Protein backbone atom coordinates (compact mmCIF):
# COMPACT_ATOMS: atom_id res chain seq x y z
CA MET A 1 0.00 -0.20 -0.12
CA LYS A 2 3.20 2.14 0.86
CA PHE A 3 4.12 2.11 -3.00
CA TRP A 4 1.02 2.75 -4.53
CA ARG A 5 0.83 6.07 -2.26
CA THR A 6 3.97 7.25 -3.55
CA PHE A 7 2.54 8.10 -6.47
CA ASP A 8 -0.18 10.04 -5.41
CA ILE A 9 -0.50 13.86 -6.44
CA GLU A 10 -2.26 15.68 -3.89
CA VAL A 11 -4.01 17.81 -6.30
CA ILE A 12 -6.42 19.03 -4.11
CA LYS A 13 -3.31 21.09 -2.11
CA PHE A 14 -1.96 22.96 -5.26
CA VAL A 15 -3.15 26.58 -6.40
CA GLU A 16 -3.79 26.90 -9.63
CA GLY A 17 -1.05 27.67 -11.73
CA ARG A 18 2.43 25.48 -12.69
CA HIS A 19 3.63 22.77 -10.74
CA GLU A 20 6.74 20.43 -10.76
CA ILE A 21 6.61 16.84 -9.59
CA ASP A 22 9.33 14.31 -10.11
CA PHE A 23 9.29 9.99 -9.39
CA GLU A 24 11.98 8.02 -9.48
CA ILE A 25 11.62 4.46 -11.23
CA ASP A 26 13.33 1.44 -10.10
CA ASP A 27 12.93 -2.57 -10.42
CA SER A 28 10.59 -2.61 -7.81
CA PHE A 29 8.08 -0.55 -9.87
CA PHE A 30 7.61 -3.10 -12.09
CA GLN A 31 7.77 -6.16 -9.56
CA HIS A 32 3.83 -4.31 -8.48
CA PHE A 33 2.07 -4.66 -11.74
CA GLU A 34 0.88 -8.27 -12.90
CA ASP A 35 1.06 -8.23 -16.42
CA ASN A 36 5.14 -6.85 -15.87
CA HIS A 37 6.43 -9.85 -17.86
CA LEU A 38 7.44 -7.33 -20.65
CA VAL A 39 9.70 -4.86 -18.00
CA GLU A 40 10.66 -6.45 -14.87
CA LYS A 41 13.72 -4.59 -14.55
CA GLY A 42 14.62 -0.35 -15.30
CA ASN A 43 15.78 2.66 -14.44
CA LEU A 44 13.48 6.03 -14.82
CA ALA A 45 12.93 9.68 -13.64
CA VAL A 46 9.73 10.85 -14.31
CA ARG A 47 8.62 14.87 -14.53
CA VAL A 48 5.38 15.98 -14.44
CA ASN A 49 4.48 19.49 -14.95
CA MET A 50 1.17 20.08 -14.09
CA LYS A 51 -0.91 23.29 -14.91
CA LYS A 52 -3.61 23.14 -12.00
CA GLY A 53 -6.74 25.80 -13.62
CA ALA A 54 -10.67 26.49 -12.48
CA ASN A 55 -12.26 23.84 -14.57
CA LEU A 56 -9.07 21.26 -15.69
CA ILE A 57 -5.94 19.67 -14.46
CA GLU A 58 -3.11 19.30 -17.87
CA MET A 59 -0.16 16.65 -16.66
CA ASP A 60 2.98 16.08 -19.29
CA PHE A 61 4.46 13.10 -18.13
CA HIS A 62 8.40 13.14 -19.42
CA ILE A 63 9.88 9.66 -18.53
CA GLN A 64 13.43 9.40 -19.66
CA GLY A 65 15.98 6.11 -18.95
CA LYS A 66 16.41 2.56 -19.70
CA VAL A 67 14.32 -0.37 -19.38
CA ARG A 68 15.53 -4.02 -19.26
CA LEU A 69 14.43 -6.13 -22.51
CA THR A 70 15.25 -9.58 -23.57
CA CYS A 71 15.99 -9.07 -27.55
CA ASP A 72 13.44 -11.03 -29.50
CA ARG A 73 15.71 -12.56 -32.09
CA SER A 74 18.95 -13.92 -29.38
CA LEU A 75 16.89 -14.11 -26.08
CA GLU A 76 19.82 -12.07 -24.75
CA GLU A 77 18.97 -8.84 -22.37
CA TYR A 78 19.74 -5.44 -22.96
CA ASP A 79 19.03 -1.97 -22.10
CA GLN A 80 16.47 -0.36 -24.51
CA PRO A 81 16.41 3.88 -23.67
CA LEU A 82 13.83 5.79 -23.36
CA ASP A 83 12.55 9.32 -23.94
CA ILE A 84 8.06 9.87 -23.47
CA HIS A 85 6.30 12.57 -23.49
CA GLU A 86 2.77 12.13 -22.54
CA THR A 87 -0.45 14.27 -21.45
CA MET A 88 -2.88 14.11 -19.46
CA ILE A 89 -6.04 15.99 -18.78
CA TYR A 90 -8.60 15.67 -15.56
CA LYS A 91 -11.65 17.61 -15.87
CA TYR A 92 -13.76 18.26 -12.74
CA GLY A 93 -17.12 17.03 -13.07
CA SER A 94 -19.67 15.03 -11.39
CA GLU A 95 -18.17 11.80 -11.45
CA GLU A 96 -15.18 10.23 -11.01
CA VAL A 97 -15.22 8.26 -15.07
CA GLU A 98 -12.63 8.55 -17.52
CA ILE A 99 -14.44 10.00 -20.53
CA ASN A 100 -11.16 8.11 -23.22
CA GLU A 101 -7.95 7.48 -22.90
CA ASP A 102 -6.78 11.31 -22.75
CA VAL A 103 -9.18 13.16 -20.70
CA ILE A 104 -10.61 11.97 -16.52
CA MET A 105 -13.35 12.96 -14.99
CA ILE A 106 -12.67 14.53 -11.24
CA THR A 107 -14.96 15.57 -9.01
CA ARG A 108 -13.61 18.83 -7.06
CA ASP A 109 -13.54 17.24 -3.85
CA THR A 110 -10.93 14.25 -5.26
CA PRO A 111 -7.82 14.87 -2.60
CA SER A 112 -5.58 12.53 -4.95
CA VAL A 113 -4.54 11.32 -8.60
CA ASN A 114 -2.79 8.34 -8.44
CA VAL A 115 0.09 8.11 -11.68
CA ALA A 116 1.89 4.67 -10.69
CA GLN A 117 -1.25 3.15 -13.91
CA LEU A 118 -0.23 6.04 -16.13
CA ILE A 119 3.14 5.64 -16.44
CA TYR A 120 3.38 1.95 -16.05
CA GLU A 121 1.24 2.57 -19.22
CA PHE A 122 3.17 5.00 -20.92
CA ILE A 123 5.58 2.99 -20.55
CA LEU A 124 4.59 -0.23 -22.30
CA ILE A 125 3.64 1.44 -25.15
CA ASN A 126 6.91 3.35 -25.40
CA LEU A 127 8.50 -0.23 -26.23
CA PRO A 128 9.24 -1.25 -29.15
CA ALA A 129 7.34 -3.64 -30.98
CA LYS A 130 10.58 -5.80 -32.07
CA LYS A 131 12.51 -5.62 -29.37
CA ILE A 132 16.08 -6.40 -30.72
CA HIS A 133 19.51 -6.54 -29.49
CA PRO A 134 21.39 -2.90 -30.38
CA ASP A 135 24.05 -6.29 -31.65
CA TYR A 136 21.82 -7.73 -33.80
CA ARG A 137 19.87 -4.55 -35.01
CA ASN A 138 21.68 -4.42 -38.97
CA GLU A 139 21.01 -7.74 -39.82
CA LEU A 140 18.57 -8.97 -42.04
CA ASP A 141 15.28 -10.82 -40.92
CA GLU A 142 13.00 -12.59 -43.02
CA ASP A 143 9.96 -9.87 -42.10
CA ASP A 144 12.12 -6.70 -43.23
CA PHE A 145 11.55 -8.24 -47.01
CA GLU A 146 7.26 -8.28 -46.65
CA GLY A 147 5.75 -7.08 -49.35
CA GLU A 148 9.19 -5.83 -51.84
CA GLY A 149 8.40 -9.34 -53.08
CA GLY A 150 9.48 -13.11 -53.48
CA ILE A 151 12.54 -14.70 -54.30
CA VAL A 152 12.56 -16.18 -57.71
CA TYR A 153 14.75 -19.64 -58.75
CA LEU A 154 16.62 -19.57 -61.90
CA ASP A 155 16.72 -23.55 -63.15
CA ASP A 156 19.85 -24.21 -65.77
CA ASP A 157 17.14 -24.17 -68.85
CA PHE A 158 16.32 -20.86 -68.03
CA ASP A 159 16.02 -18.78 -71.97
CA GLU A 160 15.57 -15.08 -71.29
CA ASP A 161 13.57 -15.07 -75.34
CA GLU A 162 10.94 -17.33 -74.08
CA LEU A 163 9.95 -15.18 -70.49
CA GLU A 164 9.83 -11.91 -73.20
CA ASP A 165 7.55 -13.92 -75.92
CA HIS A 166 5.84 -14.96 -73.56
CA SER A 167 4.71 -11.59 -72.19
CA GLU A 168 3.91 -10.31 -75.29
CA GLU A 169 1.40 -13.45 -75.70
CA GLU A 170 -0.43 -12.27 -72.30
CA THR A 171 -0.32 -8.61 -73.05
CA LYS A 172 -1.78 -9.36 -77.05
CA GLU A 173 -4.45 -12.04 -75.34
CA ILE A 174 -7.91 -10.36 -73.92
CA ASP A 175 -10.04 -12.20 -71.78
CA PRO A 176 -13.17 -12.54 -74.41
CA ARG A 177 -15.44 -10.57 -71.19
CA TRP A 178 -13.63 -8.04 -71.21
CA ALA A 179 -13.84 -8.04 -75.51
CA SER A 180 -17.68 -7.53 -74.80
CA LEU A 181 -17.52 -4.81 -72.50
CA LYS A 182 -15.48 -3.34 -74.61
CA ASN A 183 -17.57 -3.47 -77.50
CA LEU A 184 -20.25 -2.25 -75.82
CA LYS A 185 -18.67 0.69 -74.63
CA ASN A 186 -17.37 1.33 -78.41
CA LYS A 187 -21.74 0.95 -79.63
CA GLU A 188 -22.31 4.22 -77.45
């Protein structure tokens, strides 16, 4: 319980204006989340620039540091640098409800906002889709060729003239269904 309280921002105590709140993230942070299989270790600094207004609170999160990931290709661990900028808006309203992924409604009596889950989600969202160790990033992968055509194998009996003749036949020959449609167009 003490862990979660360290990430509370007591919004009710702040006056209108700009404020900065800093948090330190280490390996123990990631142990408090059930689905922590993607990131288990990290060292990050979080700065929350909070702008409190009469009707809303805008929080800009700047998360910077490194997390320990496992390479998808070699299964070696490596440090992935992160530099994250995200914004969350808290609007004052009649009830506490999430309006969308960027806006949460809170009441004016809400004493504090816990940002631990937000920070964790911001980190997960900004992880690379393919986690590749820096030593292997320059190597090509089969997936890197996706959409660029296939590999063609030619046998020893390949004749280039035969290939050109075949392609010319295809362009001259027209499907009879298209030919009849073309005739209808020409009649008008």
